[in-house]
N, C-alpha and C. Protein backbone atom coordinates (compact mmCIF):
# COMPACT_ATOMS: atom_id res chain seq x y z
N UNK A 1 0.50 -1.40 0.09
CA UNK A 1 0.48 0.04 -0.16
C UNK A 1 0.54 1.17 -0.21
N UNK A 2 0.75 2.30 -1.31
CA UNK A 2 1.61 3.85 -1.20
C UNK A 2 0.60 4.65 -0.65
N UNK A 3 1.59 4.97 0.12
CA UNK A 3 0.74 6.23 1.20
C UNK A 3 1.27 6.99 0.88
N UNK A 4 0.48 8.30 0.66
CA UNK A 4 0.99 9.58 -0.40
C UNK A 4 0.93 10.81 0.91
N UNK A 5 1.47 11.52 1.54
CA UNK A 5 1.17 12.74 1.99
C UNK A 5 1.14 13.76 1.67
N UNK A 6 0.64 14.76 1.39
CA UNK A 6 0.70 16.15 0.92
C UNK A 6 1.63 16.92 2.02
N UNK A 7 2.42 17.45 1.52
CA UNK A 7 2.50 18.86 2.67
C UNK A 7 2.27 19.57 3.57
N UNK A 8 0.54 20.14 3.05
CA UNK A 8 -0.44 20.72 3.91
C UNK A 8 -1.26 19.58 4.68
N UNK A 9 -0.81 18.47 4.69
CA UNK A 9 -1.96 17.38 5.43
C UNK A 9 -1.29 16.39 5.72
N UNK A 10 -1.29 15.76 6.87
CA UNK A 10 -0.53 15.32 7.53
C UNK A 10 -1.46 13.86 7.53
N UNK A 11 -2.76 13.33 6.86
CA UNK A 11 -3.84 12.61 6.30
C UNK A 11 -3.01 11.27 5.06
N UNK A 12 -2.86 10.17 5.16
CA UNK A 12 -3.22 9.31 4.68
C UNK A 12 -3.76 9.93 3.29
N UNK A 13 -3.25 9.31 1.96
CA UNK A 13 -4.12 9.37 0.60
C UNK A 13 -3.64 8.80 -0.37
N UNK A 14 -5.06 7.12 0.25
CA UNK A 14 -5.08 6.06 -0.70
C UNK A 14 -6.00 6.59 -2.33
N UNK A 15 -4.65 5.51 -3.05
CA UNK A 15 -5.48 5.80 -4.10
C UNK A 15 -6.78 4.16 -3.90
N UNK A 16 -7.61 4.99 -5.06
CA UNK A 16 -9.19 4.61 -4.59
C UNK A 16 -9.03 2.49 -4.54
N UNK A 17 -8.39 1.35 -5.24
CA UNK A 17 -7.91 1.07 -5.59
C UNK A 17 -7.43 0.21 -3.82
N UNK A 18 -7.33 1.26 -2.87
CA UNK A 18 -7.21 0.41 -1.93
C UNK A 18 -7.71 1.10 -0.92
N UNK A 19 -9.00 1.60 -1.14
CA UNK A 19 -10.09 1.99 -0.38
C UNK A 19 -10.82 0.78 0.36
N UNK A 20 -12.03 1.05 1.52
CA UNK A 20 -12.40 -0.35 2.03
C UNK A 20 -13.51 0.35 2.09
N UNK A 21 -14.67 -0.33 1.87
CA UNK A 21 -15.72 -0.23 1.75
C UNK A 21 -16.45 0.04 3.57
N UNK A 22 -17.03 0.84 4.31
CA UNK A 22 -17.35 1.49 4.35
C UNK A 22 -18.98 0.42 5.87
N UNK A 23 -19.12 -0.45 5.99
CA UNK A 23 -20.95 -0.82 6.20
C UNK A 23 -21.05 0.47 7.00
N UNK A 24 -22.37 0.91 7.42
CA UNK A 24 -23.28 1.63 8.29
C UNK A 24 -24.61 0.86 8.87
N UNK A 25 -24.69 0.81 9.90
CA UNK A 25 -25.09 0.14 10.77
C UNK A 25 -26.13 1.07 11.28
N UNK A 26 -27.48 0.93 11.05
CA UNK A 26 -28.48 1.57 12.24
C UNK A 26 -29.57 0.72 13.38
N UNK A 27 -30.06 1.10 14.12
CA UNK A 27 -31.09 0.30 14.77
C UNK A 27 -32.67 0.43 14.93
N UNK A 28 -33.48 -0.13 14.24
CA UNK A 28 -34.60 -0.36 13.64
C UNK A 28 -35.38 -1.47 14.17
N UNK A 29 -36.62 -0.71 14.95
CA UNK A 29 -37.12 -1.71 15.97
C UNK A 29 -36.45 -2.41 17.01
N UNK A 30 -35.45 -2.02 17.98
CA UNK A 30 -35.27 -2.51 19.14
C UNK A 30 -33.28 -3.25 18.40
N UNK A 31 -33.98 -3.94 17.58
CA UNK A 31 -31.96 -4.30 17.04
C UNK A 31 -31.35 -3.78 15.21
N UNK A 32 -30.33 -3.97 15.45
CA UNK A 32 -29.50 -3.36 14.52
C UNK A 32 -29.05 -4.04 13.02
N UNK A 33 -29.06 -3.54 11.94
CA UNK A 33 -29.11 -3.87 10.94
C UNK A 33 -27.73 -2.99 10.11
N UNK A 34 -27.82 -4.07 9.16
CA UNK A 34 -26.62 -3.19 8.44
C UNK A 34 -27.95 -2.26 6.64
N UNK A 35 -27.21 -1.15 6.49
CA UNK A 35 -28.10 -0.76 5.70
C UNK A 35 -28.20 -1.15 4.50
N UNK A 36 -27.19 -1.73 4.42
CA UNK A 36 -26.61 -2.11 2.64
C UNK A 36 -28.15 -3.33 2.66
N UNK A 37 -28.31 -3.76 3.20
CA UNK A 37 -29.54 -5.15 3.95
C UNK A 37 -30.97 -4.82 3.24
N UNK A 38 -31.36 -3.05 3.06
CA UNK A 38 -32.38 -2.42 3.66
C UNK A 38 -33.05 -2.62 2.17
N UNK A 39 -34.10 -2.56 1.98
CA UNK A 39 -34.61 -2.20 0.65
C UNK A 39 -35.16 -1.34 -0.23
N UNK A 40 -35.39 -0.92 -1.21
CA UNK A 40 -34.91 0.77 -2.33
C UNK A 40 -35.92 2.05 -0.80
N UNK A 41 -37.44 1.49 -0.29
CA UNK A 41 -38.11 1.83 0.62
C UNK A 41 -37.88 2.57 1.89
N UNK A 42 -37.00 1.33 2.70
CA UNK A 42 -36.28 1.46 3.60
C UNK A 42 -35.06 2.20 3.62
N UNK A 43 -33.76 2.26 2.42
CA UNK A 43 -33.10 3.06 2.37
C UNK A 43 -33.86 4.70 2.13
N UNK A 44 -35.12 4.54 1.28
CA UNK A 44 -35.42 6.24 1.53
C UNK A 44 -36.05 6.94 2.71
N UNK A 45 -36.39 5.76 3.60
CA UNK A 45 -36.69 6.29 4.82
C UNK A 45 -35.60 6.65 5.94
N UNK A 46 -34.32 6.09 5.95
CA UNK A 46 -32.86 6.66 6.26
C UNK A 46 -32.76 8.03 5.70
N UNK A 47 -32.87 7.65 4.64
CA UNK A 47 -31.78 9.24 4.04
C UNK A 47 -32.82 10.41 4.55
N UNK A 48 -34.15 10.06 5.21
CA UNK A 48 -35.23 10.67 5.18
C UNK A 48 -34.97 11.88 6.62
N UNK A 49 -34.66 10.84 7.31
CA UNK A 49 -34.36 10.63 9.00
C UNK A 49 -33.57 11.72 9.34
N UNK A 50 -34.01 12.75 10.51
CA UNK A 50 -33.74 13.83 10.71
C UNK A 50 -33.38 14.11 11.95
N UNK A 51 -32.03 14.62 12.51
CA UNK A 51 -31.53 14.10 13.83
C UNK A 51 -31.30 15.60 14.59
N UNK A 52 -31.63 15.91 15.93
CA UNK A 52 -32.18 16.36 16.44
C UNK A 52 -31.32 16.89 17.75
N UNK A 53 -31.07 17.94 18.37
CA UNK A 53 -30.54 18.69 19.57
C UNK A 53 -31.48 18.61 20.90
N UNK A 54 -31.66 17.44 22.08
CA UNK A 54 -32.70 17.64 22.81
C UNK A 54 -32.47 18.93 23.58
N UNK A 55 -33.38 20.25 23.26
CA UNK A 55 -32.70 21.36 24.53
C UNK A 55 -32.16 21.45 25.74
N UNK A 56 -31.26 22.00 26.59
CA UNK A 56 -31.20 21.71 27.79
C UNK A 56 -30.52 20.44 27.86
N UNK A 57 -29.91 19.90 26.80
CA UNK A 57 -28.43 18.52 27.22
C UNK A 57 -27.25 19.11 27.03
N UNK A 58 -26.54 18.62 27.21
CA UNK A 58 -24.79 19.22 26.86
C UNK A 58 -24.96 19.29 25.19
N UNK A 59 -24.39 20.23 24.85
CA UNK A 59 -23.88 20.14 22.90
C UNK A 59 -22.78 18.60 23.33
N UNK A 60 -23.50 17.25 22.31
CA UNK A 60 -23.13 16.69 21.67
C UNK A 60 -22.55 15.68 20.39
N UNK A 61 -21.54 15.52 19.06
CA UNK A 61 -21.68 14.89 18.54
C UNK A 61 -22.44 15.03 17.35
N UNK A 62 -23.32 15.37 16.87
CA UNK A 62 -24.66 15.25 16.67
C UNK A 62 -24.85 15.21 14.33
N UNK A 63 -24.53 13.57 14.01
CA UNK A 63 -25.43 14.26 12.63
C UNK A 63 -26.07 14.87 12.45
N UNK A 64 -26.13 16.14 11.16
CA UNK A 64 -27.15 17.09 11.15
C UNK A 64 -27.88 16.94 10.41
N UNK A 65 -27.21 16.02 9.28
CA UNK A 65 -27.90 15.67 7.85
C UNK A 65 -27.58 14.19 7.23
N UNK A 66 -28.82 13.70 6.77
CA UNK A 66 -28.73 11.47 7.15
C UNK A 66 -27.75 12.37 5.79
N UNK A 67 -27.08 10.72 6.01
CA UNK A 67 -26.32 10.37 4.49
C UNK A 67 -27.34 9.96 3.48
N UNK A 68 -26.70 9.90 2.06
CA UNK A 68 -27.24 9.96 1.08
C UNK A 68 -28.27 8.15 1.12
N UNK A 69 -28.88 8.43 0.48
CA UNK A 69 -29.04 6.39 -0.08
C UNK A 69 -27.84 6.10 -0.56
N UNK A 70 -27.66 5.12 -0.30
CA UNK A 70 -26.86 4.45 -0.99
C UNK A 70 -27.98 3.20 -1.36
N UNK A 71 -27.35 3.26 -2.56
CA UNK A 71 -26.84 2.18 -3.58
C UNK A 71 -28.48 0.62 -4.05
N UNK A 72 -28.62 0.64 -4.66
CA UNK A 72 -29.52 -0.56 -4.11
C UNK A 72 -28.92 -2.05 -4.84
N UNK A 73 -28.96 -2.87 -4.20
CA UNK A 73 -27.98 -4.27 -4.60
C UNK A 73 -29.12 -4.97 -5.61
């Protein structure tokens, strides 16, 4: 694996063939499932989810934009 570092960044830059796919899991009906196993409708629902911060609670890192719909298999 060839890691390239640019002077402006200390993060390695990977070539496309060196990348590994990230599997996203989410909690559905009390248990966790990979989003990749969802049908088209469920992927659409997942993409439309709205994340919020409850007022009066300490600020936490929360994803404010839902992830895009993953391609169907």
